[in-house]
C-alpha atoms as a PDB file:
ATOM      1  CA  MET A   1      84.973 120.105  85.650  1.00  0.00           C
ATOM      2  CA  GLN A   2      83.948 117.502  88.193  1.00  0.00           C
ATOM      3  CA  PRO A   3      82.294 118.674  91.434  1.00  0.00           C
ATOM      4  CA  ASP A   4      83.942 118.466  94.863  1.00  0.00           C
ATOM      5  CA  VAL A   5      81.887 116.079  96.971  1.00  0.00           C
ATOM      6  CA  SER A   6      82.135 114.570 100.435  1.00  0.00           C
ATOM      7  CA  ASP A   7      82.207 110.883 101.335  1.00  0.00           C
ATOM      8  CA  THR A   8      78.616 111.186 102.573  1.00  0.00           C
ATOM      9  CA  GLU A   9      77.515 112.539  99.211  1.00  0.00           C
ATOM     10  CA  VAL A  10      79.300 109.684  97.438  1.00  0.00           C
ATOM     11  CA  LYS A  11      77.337 107.138  99.503  1.00  0.00           C
ATOM     12  CA  GLN A  12      74.112 109.057  98.830  1.00  0.00           C
ATOM     13  CA  ALA A  13      74.921 109.136  95.087  1.00  0.00           C
ATOM     14  CA  GLN A  14      75.561 105.381  95.028  1.00  0.00           C
ATOM     15  CA  PHE A  15      72.262 104.579  96.744  1.00  0.00           C
ATOM     16  CA  PRO A  16      69.881 105.075  93.765  1.00  0.00           C
ATOM     17  CA  HIS A  17      72.085 102.879  91.580  1.00  0.00           C
ATOM     18  CA  ASN A  18      72.218 100.155  94.226  1.00  0.00           C
ATOM     19  CA  LEU A  19      68.457 100.455  94.682  1.00  0.00           C
ATOM     20  CA  LEU A  20      67.795 100.049  90.957  1.00  0.00           C
ATOM     21  CA  ILE A  21      70.103  97.034  90.700  1.00  0.00           C
ATOM     22  CA  ALA A  22      68.429  95.446  93.737  1.00  0.00           C
ATOM     23  CA  GLY A  23      65.065  96.107  92.066  1.00  0.00           C
ATOM     24  CA  LEU A  24      66.285  94.497  88.838  1.00  0.00           C
ATOM     25  CA  PHE A  25      67.237  91.334  90.675  1.00  0.00           C
ATOM     26  CA  ALA A  26      64.200  91.212  92.949  1.00  0.00           C
ATOM     27  CA  PHE A  27      61.509  92.185  90.474  1.00  0.00           C
ATOM     28  CA  ASN A  28      62.819  90.861  87.173  1.00  0.00           C
ATOM     29  CA  LEU A  29      65.260  88.052  87.790  1.00  0.00           C
ATOM     30  CA  LEU A  30      63.504  86.480  90.773  1.00  0.00           C
ATOM     31  CA  MET A  31      59.855  87.521  90.643  1.00  0.00           C
ATOM     32  CA  ALA A  32      59.215  86.990  86.912  1.00  0.00           C
ATOM     33  CA  PRO A  33      60.359  83.319  86.913  1.00  0.00           C
ATOM     34  CA  ALA A  34      58.416  82.758  90.138  1.00  0.00           C
ATOM     35  CA  VAL A  35      55.263  84.092  88.497  1.00  0.00           C
ATOM     36  CA  ILE A  36      55.809  81.730  85.569  1.00  0.00           C
ATOM     37  CA  ALA A  37      56.563  78.750  87.857  1.00  0.00           C
ATOM     38  CA  LEU A  38      53.419  79.388  89.894  1.00  0.00           C
ATOM     39  CA  ASN A  39      51.434  79.215  86.639  1.00  0.00           C
ATOM     40  CA  ILE A  40      49.611  82.480  87.329  1.00  0.00           C
ATOM     41  CA  GLY A  41      49.415  83.252  83.640  1.00  0.00           C
ATOM     42  CA  MET A  42      50.390  86.178  81.478  1.00  0.00           C
ATOM     43  CA  SER A  43      48.590  88.661  83.714  1.00  0.00           C
ATOM     44  CA  GLY A  44      51.019  87.641  86.466  1.00  0.00           C
ATOM     45  CA  LEU A  45      53.806  89.229  84.446  1.00  0.00           C
ATOM     46  CA  LEU A  46      52.238  92.573  85.291  1.00  0.00           C
ATOM     47  CA  ILE A  47      53.571  92.184  88.847  1.00  0.00           C
ATOM     48  CA  PRO A  48      57.262  92.673  87.869  1.00  0.00           C
ATOM     49  CA  LEU A  49      56.259  95.441  85.458  1.00  0.00           C
ATOM     50  CA  LEU A  50      54.286  97.351  88.080  1.00  0.00           C
ATOM     51  CA  SER A  51      56.963  96.807  90.726  1.00  0.00           C
ATOM     52  CA  SER A  52      59.721  98.039  88.412  1.00  0.00           C
ATOM     53  CA  GLY A  53      57.571 100.949  87.263  1.00  0.00           C
ATOM     54  CA  ALA A  54      56.923 101.981  90.860  1.00  0.00           C
ATOM     55  CA  LEU A  55      60.647 101.844  91.632  1.00  0.00           C
ATOM     56  CA  ILE A  56      61.516 103.952  88.598  1.00  0.00           C
ATOM     57  CA  ALA A  57      58.787 106.459  89.513  1.00  0.00           C
ATOM     58  CA  TYR A  58      60.278 106.630  93.025  1.00  0.00           C
ATOM     59  CA  LEU A  59      63.710 107.363  91.532  1.00  0.00           C
ATOM     60  CA  TYR A  60      62.225 110.192  89.494  1.00  0.00           C
ATOM     61  CA  LEU A  61      60.287 111.721  92.382  1.00  0.00           C
ATOM     62  CA  HIS A  62      63.174 111.446  94.828  1.00  0.00           C
ATOM     63  CA  SER A  63      65.589 113.097  92.377  1.00  0.00           C
ATOM     64  CA  ARG A  64      63.487 116.247  92.674  1.00  0.00           C
ATOM     65  CA  LYS A  65      63.832 116.362  96.486  1.00  0.00           C
ATOM     66  CA  VAL A  66      67.602 115.968  96.850  1.00  0.00           C
ATOM     67  CA  THR A  67      69.449 119.191  97.697  1.00  0.00           C
ATOM     68  CA  SER A  68      72.991 118.236  96.648  1.00  0.00           C
ATOM     69  CA  LYS A  69      73.445 118.723  92.907  1.00  0.00           C
ATOM     70  CA  PHE A  70      75.866 115.795  92.683  1.00  0.00           C
ATOM     71  CA  VAL A  71      73.514 113.406  94.474  1.00  0.00           C
ATOM     72  CA  ALA A  72      70.487 114.647  92.514  1.00  0.00           C
ATOM     73  CA  ALA A  73      72.393 114.116  89.266  1.00  0.00           C
ATOM     74  CA  HIS A  74      72.970 110.475  90.206  1.00  0.00           C
ATOM     75  CA  TRP A  75      69.299 109.986  91.134  1.00  0.00           C
ATOM     76  CA  ARG A  76      68.372 111.367  87.697  1.00  0.00           C
ATOM     77  CA  LEU A  77      70.976 109.125  86.067  1.00  0.00           C
ATOM     78  CA  ALA A  78      69.466 106.063  87.765  1.00  0.00           C
ATOM     79  CA  PHE A  79      66.034 107.172  86.524  1.00  0.00           C
ATOM     80  CA  THR A  80      67.395 107.594  82.999  1.00  0.00           C
ATOM     81  CA  HIS A  81      68.869 104.097  83.086  1.00  0.00           C
ATOM     82  CA  GLY A  82      65.587 102.740  84.428  1.00  0.00           C
ATOM     83  CA  ARG A  83      63.863 104.009  81.316  1.00  0.00           C
ATOM     84  CA  TRP A  84      65.811 101.403  79.302  1.00  0.00           C
ATOM     85  CA  LEU A  85      64.055  98.741  81.325  1.00  0.00           C
ATOM     86  CA  LEU A  86      60.688 100.375  80.676  1.00  0.00           C
ATOM     87  CA  LEU A  87      61.502 100.464  76.948  1.00  0.00           C
ATOM     88  CA  GLY A  88      62.112  96.707  77.082  1.00  0.00           C
ATOM     89  CA  TYR A  89      58.764  96.219  78.807  1.00  0.00           C
ATOM     90  CA  THR A  90      57.025  98.380  76.199  1.00  0.00           C
ATOM     91  CA  ILE A  91      58.469  96.397  73.303  1.00  0.00           C
ATOM     92  CA  THR A  92      57.516  93.169  75.066  1.00  0.00           C
ATOM     93  CA  ALA A  93      53.939  94.415  75.539  1.00  0.00           C
ATOM     94  CA  VAL A  94      53.649  95.243  71.827  1.00  0.00           C
ATOM     95  CA  LEU A  95      55.050  91.846  70.855  1.00  0.00           C
ATOM     96  CA  ILE A  96      52.667  90.055  73.227  1.00  0.00           C
ATOM     97  CA  LEU A  97      49.766  91.942  71.663  1.00  0.00           C
ATOM     98  CA  LEU A  98      50.961  90.875  68.219  1.00  0.00           C
ATOM     99  CA  ALA A  99      51.367  87.285  69.458  1.00  0.00           C
ATOM    100  CA  TRP A 100      47.793  87.340  70.711  1.00  0.00           C
ATOM    101  CA  LEU A 101      46.533  88.669  67.373  1.00  0.00           C
ATOM    102  CA  VAL A 102      48.470  86.050  65.408  1.00  0.00           C
ATOM    103  CA  SER A 103      47.321  83.241  67.692  1.00  0.00           C
ATOM    104  CA  GLN A 104      43.703  84.341  67.242  1.00  0.00           C
ATOM    105  CA  ALA A 105      44.086  83.854  63.479  1.00  0.00           C
ATOM    106  CA  ALA A 106      44.775  80.127  63.935  1.00  0.00           C
ATOM    107  CA  HIS A 107      41.774  77.907  63.235  1.00  0.00           C
ATOM    108  CA  GLU A 108      42.508  75.025  65.592  1.00  0.00           C
ATOM    109  CA  ALA A 109      42.744  75.378  69.374  1.00  0.00           C
ATOM    110  CA  SER A 110      45.943  73.355  69.563  1.00  0.00           C
ATOM    111  CA  MET A 111      47.564  75.549  66.922  1.00  0.00           C
ATOM    112  CA  LYS A 112      46.458  78.691  68.810  1.00  0.00           C
ATOM    113  CA  HIS A 113      48.147  77.363  71.918  1.00  0.00           C
ATOM    114  CA  ILE A 114      51.361  76.469  70.078  1.00  0.00           C
ATOM    115  CA  VAL A 115      51.579  79.845  68.319  1.00  0.00           C
ATOM    116  CA  TRP A 116      50.755  81.740  71.518  1.00  0.00           C
ATOM    117  CA  THR A 117      53.368  79.835  73.540  1.00  0.00           C
ATOM    118  CA  ALA A 118      56.115  80.200  70.937  1.00  0.00           C
ATOM    119  CA  LEU A 119      55.539  83.895  70.279  1.00  0.00           C
ATOM    120  CA  THR A 120      55.184  84.920  73.919  1.00  0.00           C
ATOM    121  CA  ARG A 121      58.504  83.240  74.748  1.00  0.00           C
ATOM    122  CA  ILE A 122      60.123  85.343  72.035  1.00  0.00           C
ATOM    123  CA  ALA A 123      58.251  88.472  73.144  1.00  0.00           C
ATOM    124  CA  VAL A 124      59.842  88.381  76.608  1.00  0.00           C
ATOM    125  CA  LEU A 125      63.353  88.799  75.159  1.00  0.00           C
ATOM    126  CA  PRO A 126      63.270  92.640  74.935  1.00  0.00           C
ATOM    127  CA  THR A 127      62.602  92.802  78.668  1.00  0.00           C
ATOM    128  CA  LEU A 128      65.549  90.505  79.339  1.00  0.00           C
ATOM    129  CA  VAL A 129      67.761  92.699  77.167  1.00  0.00           C
ATOM    130  CA  GLY A 130      66.443  95.765  79.017  1.00  0.00           C
ATOM    131  CA  VAL A 131      67.369  94.167  82.341  1.00  0.00           C
ATOM    132  CA  MET A 132      70.890  93.394  81.143  1.00  0.00           C
ATOM    133  CA  VAL A 133      71.449  96.843  79.621  1.00  0.00           C
ATOM    134  CA  THR A 134      70.144  98.546  82.757  1.00  0.00           C
ATOM    135  CA  ALA A 135      72.367  96.414  85.012  1.00  0.00           C
ATOM    136  CA  ILE A 136      75.457  97.207  82.936  1.00  0.00           C
ATOM    137  CA  LEU A 137      74.667 100.931  82.862  1.00  0.00           C
ATOM    138  CA  GLU A 138      74.084 100.964  86.605  1.00  0.00           C
ATOM    139  CA  ALA A 139      77.372  99.171  87.308  1.00  0.00           C
ATOM    140  CA  GLY A 140      79.133 101.935  85.394  1.00  0.00           C
ATOM    141  CA  ALA A 141      77.138 104.586  87.233  1.00  0.00           C
ATOM    142  CA  ILE A 142      78.149 103.173  90.617  1.00  0.00           C
ATOM    143  CA  SER A 143      81.747 103.449  89.488  1.00  0.00           C
ATOM    144  CA  LEU A 144      81.157 107.077  88.451  1.00  0.00           C
ATOM    145  CA  ALA A 145      79.677 107.906  91.844  1.00  0.00           C
ATOM    146  CA  THR A 146      82.569 106.194  93.634  1.00  0.00           C
ATOM    147  CA  ARG A 147      85.086 108.214  91.621  1.00  0.00           C
ATOM    148  CA  ARG A 148      83.092 111.415  92.361  1.00  0.00           C
ATOM    149  CA  LYS A 149      82.322 111.957  88.693  1.00  0.00           C
ATOM    150  CA  LEU A 150      79.366 112.702  86.459  1.00  0.00           C
ATOM    151  CA  THR A 151      78.712 111.787  82.851  1.00  0.00           C
ATOM    152  CA  ASP A 152      79.927 114.163  80.135  1.00  0.00           C
ATOM    153  CA  LYS A 153      76.298 114.946  79.298  1.00  0.00           C
ATOM    154  CA  GLN A 154      75.602 115.974  82.892  1.00  0.00           C
ATOM    155  CA  ILE A 155      78.714 118.141  82.991  1.00  0.00           C
ATOM    156  CA  LYS A 156      77.722 119.921  79.755  1.00  0.00           C
ATOM    157  CA  ALA A 157      74.254 120.528  81.207  1.00  0.00           C
ATOM    158  CA  LYS A 158      75.962 121.863  84.370  1.00  0.00           C
ATOM    159  CA  ILE A 159      73.890 119.435  86.442  1.00  0.00           C
END
């Protein structure tokens, strides 16, 4: 059974999904290339990670404060989708660590640089996949909120 919700609650339920999508574009699709273009280095990639992590933490904390069950369920859903992005970042971090270890095994400095560059470019792919998966999930979630619906899992849990 889907809950009866007002138009105001629908707008409030759409907000966390819109916020997460805006964060995806601002922090991952705009900020990450800017950090690379500015030649800040690999530590500069922590900026999008920390920004996205702060946004996802905000989604989690705010979901606890909302009084409407329907709206709170959508805040939790946005948080759940945000965890896919964090999974992508985690896999990327592990691959970057492995790239660093492999590059340290090279004997020549030029070979270290080549190995490091090649492997770090590959290591960023899980984050890109996480961004795409999160964006697709959030687009579907906005549609759910607009239609005044919840996921089957949320309905079974009785929000």
